[in-house]
C-alpha atoms as a PDB file:
ATOM      1  CA  MET A   1       0.000   0.000   0.000  1.00  0.00           C
ATOM      2  CA  SER A   2       1.360   3.424  -0.927  1.00  0.00           C
ATOM      3  CA  GLU A   3       2.074   6.271   1.482  1.00  0.00           C
ATOM      4  CA  THR A   4      -0.903   8.177   0.130  1.00  0.00           C
ATOM      5  CA  ALA A   5      -3.366   5.306   0.270  1.00  0.00           C
ATOM      6  CA  LEU A   6      -6.561   6.107   2.129  1.00  0.00           C
ATOM      7  CA  ALA A   7      -9.275   4.133   3.832  1.00  0.00           C
ATOM      8  CA  HIS A   8     -12.328   5.276   5.770  1.00  0.00           C
ATOM      9  CA  ASP A   9     -11.940   2.553   8.409  1.00  0.00           C
ATOM     10  CA  GLY A  10     -10.666  -0.936   9.022  1.00  0.00           C
ATOM     11  CA  LYS A  11      -7.483  -0.422   7.017  1.00  0.00           C
ATOM     12  CA  ILE A  12      -4.183   1.336   7.498  1.00  0.00           C
ATOM     13  CA  VAL A  13      -4.192   4.797   5.980  1.00  0.00           C
ATOM     14  CA  GLY A  14      -0.422   4.956   5.595  1.00  0.00           C
ATOM     15  CA  GLN A  15       2.543   5.869   7.737  1.00  0.00           C
ATOM     16  CA  GLN A  16       2.331   9.590   6.998  1.00  0.00           C
ATOM     17  CA  GLN A  17      -0.742   9.755   9.226  1.00  0.00           C
ATOM     18  CA  ARG A  18       1.177   8.559  12.292  1.00  0.00           C
ATOM     19  CA  ASN A  19       1.386  11.275  14.954  1.00  0.00           C
ATOM     20  CA  GLN A  20      -0.643  13.699  12.869  1.00  0.00           C
ATOM     21  CA  LEU A  21      -3.768  15.529  13.900  1.00  0.00           C
ATOM     22  CA  VAL A  22      -7.129  13.915  13.336  1.00  0.00           C
ATOM     23  CA  LEU A  23     -10.120  16.213  13.814  1.00  0.00           C
ATOM     24  CA  PHE A  24     -13.875  15.889  13.420  1.00  0.00           C
ATOM     25  CA  GLY A  25     -15.886  18.224  11.271  1.00  0.00           C
ATOM     26  CA  ARG A  26     -18.626  18.674   8.735  1.00  0.00           C
ATOM     27  CA  PHE A  27     -18.755  20.232   5.308  1.00  0.00           C
ATOM     28  CA  MET A  28     -21.483  21.959   3.328  1.00  0.00           C
ATOM     29  CA  LEU A  29     -21.909  21.512  -0.412  1.00  0.00           C
ATOM     30  CA  PRO A  30     -23.211  24.150  -2.856  1.00  0.00           C
ATOM     31  CA  ASP A  31     -26.715  22.626  -2.514  1.00  0.00           C
ATOM     32  CA  SER A  32     -26.559  23.476   1.255  1.00  0.00           C
ATOM     33  CA  SER A  33     -26.480  19.816   2.313  1.00  0.00           C
ATOM     34  CA  GLU A  34     -24.164  19.039   5.256  1.00  0.00           C
ATOM     35  CA  HIS A  35     -22.090  15.904   5.750  1.00  0.00           C
ATOM     36  CA  PRO A  36     -19.922  14.686   8.683  1.00  0.00           C
ATOM     37  CA  CYS A  37     -16.252  13.854   8.173  1.00  0.00           C
ATOM     38  CA  GLN A  38     -12.909  13.209   9.805  1.00  0.00           C
ATOM     39  CA  VAL A  39     -10.141  15.606   8.834  1.00  0.00           C
ATOM     40  CA  VAL A  40      -6.611  14.192   8.526  1.00  0.00           C
ATOM     41  CA  ARG A  41      -3.271  15.313   7.089  1.00  0.00           C
ATOM     42  CA  ILE A  42      -4.292  18.886   7.777  1.00  0.00           C
ATOM     43  CA  SER A  43      -1.855  21.696   6.946  1.00  0.00           C
ATOM     44  CA  PRO A  44      -2.234  25.448   6.417  1.00  0.00           C
ATOM     45  CA  ASP A  45      -2.765  24.707   2.713  1.00  0.00           C
ATOM     46  CA  GLY A  46      -5.306  21.897   2.821  1.00  0.00           C
ATOM     47  CA  ALA A  47      -6.387  18.562   4.249  1.00  0.00           C
ATOM     48  CA  VAL A  48      -7.905  15.173   3.519  1.00  0.00           C
ATOM     49  CA  PHE A  49     -11.560  14.663   4.449  1.00  0.00           C
ATOM     50  CA  LEU A  50     -12.594  11.084   5.242  1.00  0.00           C
ATOM     51  CA  THR A  51     -16.262  10.593   4.385  1.00  0.00           C
ATOM     52  CA  ASN A  52     -18.614   8.228   2.602  1.00  0.00           C
ATOM     53  CA  LYS A  53     -19.766  11.078   0.352  1.00  0.00           C
ATOM     54  CA  GLU A  54     -18.133  11.103  -3.092  1.00  0.00           C
ATOM     55  CA  ILE A  55     -17.283  14.646  -4.214  1.00  0.00           C
ATOM     56  CA  PRO A  56     -15.638  15.370  -7.596  1.00  0.00           C
ATOM     57  CA  ALA A  57     -12.662  17.682  -7.996  1.00  0.00           C
ATOM     58  CA  GLY A  58     -13.415  21.373  -8.401  1.00  0.00           C
ATOM     59  CA  VAL A  59     -16.430  21.555  -6.074  1.00  0.00           C
ATOM     60  CA  GLN A  60     -16.419  24.476  -3.637  1.00  0.00           C
ATOM     61  CA  ILE A  61     -17.247  23.595  -0.027  1.00  0.00           C
ATOM     62  CA  VAL A  62     -17.492  25.321   3.325  1.00  0.00           C
ATOM     63  CA  ALA A  63     -16.126  23.234   6.209  1.00  0.00           C
ATOM     64  CA  TYR A  64     -16.516  23.556   9.959  1.00  0.00           C
ATOM     65  CA  ILE A  65     -13.630  21.763  11.670  1.00  0.00           C
ATOM     66  CA  ASP A  66     -13.442  21.130  15.410  1.00  0.00           C
ATOM     67  CA  GLU A  67     -10.667  23.164  17.054  1.00  0.00           C
ATOM     68  CA  ILE A  68     -10.223  25.163  13.828  1.00  0.00           C
ATOM     69  CA  GLY A  69     -13.540  26.722  12.848  1.00  0.00           C
ATOM     70  CA  ARG A  70     -14.917  27.698   9.474  1.00  0.00           C
ATOM     71  CA  VAL A  71     -12.807  27.338   6.339  1.00  0.00           C
ATOM     72  CA  GLU A  72     -13.599  27.631   2.641  1.00  0.00           C
ATOM     73  CA  ALA A  73     -12.025  25.072   0.351  1.00  0.00           C
ATOM     74  CA  GLN A  74     -12.033  23.548  -3.106  1.00  0.00           C
ATOM     75  CA  VAL A  75     -11.971  19.794  -3.663  1.00  0.00           C
ATOM     76  CA  ALA A  76      -8.595  19.046  -5.250  1.00  0.00           C
ATOM     77  CA  ASP A  77      -8.964  15.343  -5.931  1.00  0.00           C
ATOM     78  CA  ALA A  78     -11.258  12.436  -5.146  1.00  0.00           C
ATOM     79  CA  LEU A  79      -9.718   9.639  -3.084  1.00  0.00           C
ATOM     80  CA  ALA A  80     -10.884   6.223  -1.895  1.00  0.00           C
ATOM     81  CA  GLY A  81     -12.861   6.930   1.258  1.00  0.00           C
ATOM     82  CA  GLY A  82     -12.803  10.702   0.941  1.00  0.00           C
ATOM     83  CA  PHE A  83     -11.250  13.623  -0.912  1.00  0.00           C
ATOM     84  CA  GLY A  84      -8.434  16.138  -0.658  1.00  0.00           C
ATOM     85  CA  VAL A  85      -9.068  19.891  -0.455  1.00  0.00           C
ATOM     86  CA  ARG A  86      -7.129  23.110  -0.893  1.00  0.00           C
ATOM     87  CA  PHE A  87      -8.031  25.808   1.606  1.00  0.00           C
ATOM     88  CA  GLN A  88      -8.936  29.203   0.187  1.00  0.00           C
ATOM     89  CA  THR A  89      -7.751  31.687   2.802  1.00  0.00           C
ATOM     90  CA  THR A  90      -6.101  35.065   3.113  1.00  0.00           C
ATOM     91  CA  GLU A  91      -2.455  35.275   4.160  1.00  0.00           C
ATOM     92  CA  ALA A  92      -3.527  36.568   7.582  1.00  0.00           C
ATOM     93  CA  ARG A  93      -5.932  33.670   8.068  1.00  0.00           C
ATOM     94  CA  LYS A  94      -3.295  31.200   6.864  1.00  0.00           C
ATOM     95  CA  ALA A  95      -0.818  32.534   9.431  1.00  0.00           C
ATOM     96  CA  LYS A  96      -3.384  32.103  12.219  1.00  0.00           C
ATOM     97  CA  LEU A  97      -4.183  28.595  11.003  1.00  0.00           C
ATOM     98  CA  THR A  98      -0.483  27.696  11.011  1.00  0.00           C
ATOM     99  CA  GLU A  99      -0.169  28.892  14.599  1.00  0.00           C
ATOM    100  CA  ARG A 100      -3.291  26.997  15.653  1.00  0.00           C
ATOM    101  CA  LEU A 101      -2.132  23.731  14.081  1.00  0.00           C
ATOM    102  CA  GLU A 102       1.264  23.960  15.777  1.00  0.00           C
ATOM    103  CA  TRP A 103      -0.441  24.499  19.135  1.00  0.00           C
ATOM    104  CA  LEU A 104      -2.752  21.518  18.617  1.00  0.00           C
ATOM    105  CA  LYS A 105       0.129  19.222  17.647  1.00  0.00           C
ATOM    106  CA  GLN A 106       2.154  20.319  20.677  1.00  0.00           C
ATOM    107  CA  ARG A 107      -0.832  19.743  22.960  1.00  0.00           C
ATOM    108  CA  ASP A 108      -1.373  16.235  21.577  1.00  0.00           C
ATOM    109  CA  ASP A 109       2.327  15.401  21.983  1.00  0.00           C
ATOM    110  CA  GLU A 110       2.259  16.530  25.619  1.00  0.00           C
ATOM    111  CA  ASP A 111      -0.924  14.555  26.279  1.00  0.00           C
ATOM    112  CA  SER A 112       0.642  11.394  24.807  1.00  0.00           C
ATOM    113  CA  ILE A 113       3.717  11.707  27.045  1.00  0.00           C
ATOM    114  CA  GLU A 114       1.566  12.252  30.137  1.00  0.00           C
ATOM    115  CA  GLN A 115      -0.753   9.364  29.361  1.00  0.00           C
ATOM    116  CA  ARG A 116       2.096   6.846  29.013  1.00  0.00           C
ATOM    117  CA  GLU A 117       2.986   7.429  32.672  1.00  0.00           C
ATOM    118  CA  HIS A 118      -0.146   5.879  34.164  1.00  0.00           C
ATOM    119  CA  GLN A 119      -0.160   2.454  35.830  1.00  0.00           C
ATOM    120  CA  ARG A 120      -1.879  -0.265  33.809  1.00  0.00           C
ATOM    121  CA  PHE A 121      -4.411  -2.788  35.121  1.00  0.00           C
ATOM    122  CA  GLU A 122      -5.711  -6.127  33.912  1.00  0.00           C
ATOM    123  CA  PRO A 123      -9.513  -6.168  33.521  1.00  0.00           C
ATOM    124  CA  THR A 124     -11.654  -8.723  35.317  1.00  0.00           C
ATOM    125  CA  GLU A 125     -13.931  -8.819  32.251  1.00  0.00           C
ATOM    126  CA  THR A 126     -11.930  -8.778  29.024  1.00  0.00           C
ATOM    127  CA  ARG A 127     -14.757  -8.925  26.472  1.00  0.00           C
ATOM    128  CA  SER A 128     -15.804  -5.592  24.986  1.00  0.00           C
ATOM    129  CA  HIS A 129     -16.493  -4.016  21.600  1.00  0.00           C
ATOM    130  CA  ILE A 130     -15.161  -1.269  19.349  1.00  0.00           C
ATOM    131  CA  THR A 131     -17.556   1.040  17.518  1.00  0.00           C
ATOM    132  CA  LEU A 132     -16.194   2.795  14.415  1.00  0.00           C
ATOM    133  CA  PRO A 133     -17.233   6.313  13.293  1.00  0.00           C
ATOM    134  CA  ASP A 134     -19.712   4.898  10.776  1.00  0.00           C
ATOM    135  CA  GLY A 135     -21.475   2.879  13.487  1.00  0.00           C
ATOM    136  CA  ARG A 136     -20.096  -0.567  12.737  1.00  0.00           C
ATOM    137  CA  VAL A 137     -19.338  -2.619  15.853  1.00  0.00           C
ATOM    138  CA  TYR A 138     -16.602  -5.231  16.265  1.00  0.00           C
ATOM    139  CA  PRO A 139     -15.868  -7.508  19.232  1.00  0.00           C
ATOM    140  CA  CYS A 140     -12.545  -7.096  21.010  1.00  0.00           C
ATOM    141  CA  GLU A 141     -10.654  -8.255  24.071  1.00  0.00           C
ATOM    142  CA  VAL A 142      -9.202  -5.744  26.523  1.00  0.00           C
ATOM    143  CA  ILE A 143      -5.605  -6.743  27.265  1.00  0.00           C
ATOM    144  CA  ASP A 144      -4.993  -4.043  29.874  1.00  0.00           C
ATOM    145  CA  PHE A 145      -6.062  -0.489  30.633  1.00  0.00           C
ATOM    146  CA  SER A 146      -5.108   2.618  32.610  1.00  0.00           C
ATOM    147  CA  LEU A 147      -6.671   5.953  33.502  1.00  0.00           C
ATOM    148  CA  SER A 148      -5.758   7.224  30.058  1.00  0.00           C
ATOM    149  CA  GLY A 149      -6.112   4.345  27.617  1.00  0.00           C
ATOM    150  CA  ALA A 150      -6.300   0.656  26.827  1.00  0.00           C
ATOM    151  CA  ALA A 151      -4.643  -2.052  24.777  1.00  0.00           C
ATOM    152  CA  VAL A 152      -7.128  -4.248  22.943  1.00  0.00           C
ATOM    153  CA  ALA A 153      -6.906  -7.363  20.823  1.00  0.00           C
ATOM    154  CA  THR A 154      -9.127  -7.099  17.759  1.00  0.00           C
ATOM    155  CA  GLU A 155      -9.293  -8.146  14.123  1.00  0.00           C
ATOM    156  CA  VAL A 156     -10.336  -4.690  12.894  1.00  0.00           C
ATOM    157  CA  MET A 157      -7.448  -2.236  12.464  1.00  0.00           C
ATOM    158  CA  PRO A 158      -8.733   1.344  12.205  1.00  0.00           C
ATOM    159  CA  ALA A 159      -6.391   3.972  10.816  1.00  0.00           C
ATOM    160  CA  LEU A 160      -4.074   5.662  13.295  1.00  0.00           C
ATOM    161  CA  GLY A 161      -5.829   8.698  14.707  1.00  0.00           C
ATOM    162  CA  THR A 162      -9.330   7.301  14.128  1.00  0.00           C
ATOM    163  CA  TYR A 163     -11.742   8.094  16.954  1.00  0.00           C
ATOM    164  CA  VAL A 164     -13.620   5.019  18.182  1.00  0.00           C
ATOM    165  CA  MET A 165     -15.765   3.917  21.098  1.00  0.00           C
ATOM    166  CA  LEU A 166     -14.322   1.195  23.323  1.00  0.00           C
ATOM    167  CA  GLY A 167     -17.404   0.072  25.180  1.00  0.00           C
ATOM    168  CA  LYS A 168     -18.686   3.426  26.477  1.00  0.00           C
ATOM    169  CA  MET A 169     -15.286   5.146  26.391  1.00  0.00           C
ATOM    170  CA  ARG A 170     -14.408   7.426  23.477  1.00  0.00           C
ATOM    171  CA  GLY A 171     -10.799   7.533  22.337  1.00  0.00           C
ATOM    172  CA  ARG A 172      -8.466   7.448  19.363  1.00  0.00           C
ATOM    173  CA  VAL A 173      -6.211   4.763  17.945  1.00  0.00           C
ATOM    174  CA  VAL A 174      -2.605   5.776  18.644  1.00  0.00           C
ATOM    175  CA  ARG A 175      -0.547   2.644  18.021  1.00  0.00           C
ATOM    176  CA  TYR A 176      -0.707  -0.789  16.420  1.00  0.00           C
ATOM    177  CA  LEU A 177      -0.013  -3.863  18.536  1.00  0.00           C
ATOM    178  CA  GLN A 178       0.874  -7.373  17.421  1.00  0.00           C
ATOM    179  CA  SER A 179      -2.742  -8.487  17.761  1.00  0.00           C
ATOM    180  CA  GLY A 180      -4.681  -5.238  17.985  1.00  0.00           C
ATOM    181  CA  VAL A 181      -4.480  -1.537  18.796  1.00  0.00           C
ATOM    182  CA  ALA A 182      -3.731   0.889  21.608  1.00  0.00           C
ATOM    183  CA  ILE A 183      -6.401   3.499  22.328  1.00  0.00           C
ATOM    184  CA  GLU A 184      -6.004   6.822  24.154  1.00  0.00           C
ATOM    185  CA  PHE A 185      -9.183   7.911  25.931  1.00  0.00           C
ATOM    186  CA  SER A 186     -10.528  11.352  25.049  1.00  0.00           C
ATOM    187  CA  LYS A 187     -11.286  11.885  28.748  1.00  0.00           C
ATOM    188  CA  GLN A 188      -9.264  10.215  31.474  1.00  0.00           C
ATOM    189  CA  LEU A 189     -10.958   7.832  33.872  1.00  0.00           C
ATOM    190  CA  GLN A 190     -11.189   8.877  37.496  1.00  0.00           C
ATOM    191  CA  ALA A 191      -9.016   6.801  39.831  1.00  0.00           C
ATOM    192  CA  GLY A 192     -11.922   6.306  42.232  1.00  0.00           C
ATOM    193  CA  THR A 193     -14.161   4.872  39.510  1.00  0.00           C
ATOM    194  CA  LEU A 194     -11.765   2.276  38.081  1.00  0.00           C
ATOM    195  CA  SER A 195     -13.463  -1.051  37.597  1.00  0.00           C
ATOM    196  CA  GLY A 196     -12.470  -4.257  35.948  1.00  0.00           C
ATOM    197  CA  LYS A 197     -14.737  -3.713  32.949  1.00  0.00           C
ATOM    198  CA  LEU A 198     -14.816  -1.157  30.127  1.00  0.00           C
END
């Protein structure tokens, strides 16, 4: 699979996505219809939108991206599982976007370092399930977990950065394991509420 290969779920998106921002958002087409998406490989110049909606090159869209806000863009190329866009911004807006992206990446890096420091526990009930962004559910086995994340054995391998539900806990896939994935929780568990089941 090439470095630029894309998949909406269940498949590796490519090593370039490792340690890059993954944001949620929605985009509006010229007919005023709105569609949800995940935004990956985002830079001050453009991004890749992961969505089930097929959009041809050249279409103008307005996107609302979590942590970023409103951006205008043009679809640059259609890809499997989504499409690439070029942002249409002023130089001043581009400078602010650059600053915002750097801050978000630094924040995520600091969070990852902090979350690796937590003690891990073995669950008393290992059976759970992973829910992908499109609603599909897959069984999994929780290998261990901490206040900040979990290691799970599963046959489905979402792309790095994909946000999933592990049981009732929301998190993102941050690493591949020999038999599954490691997930960082979006919100840390409270020490007083730790139980043996997720």
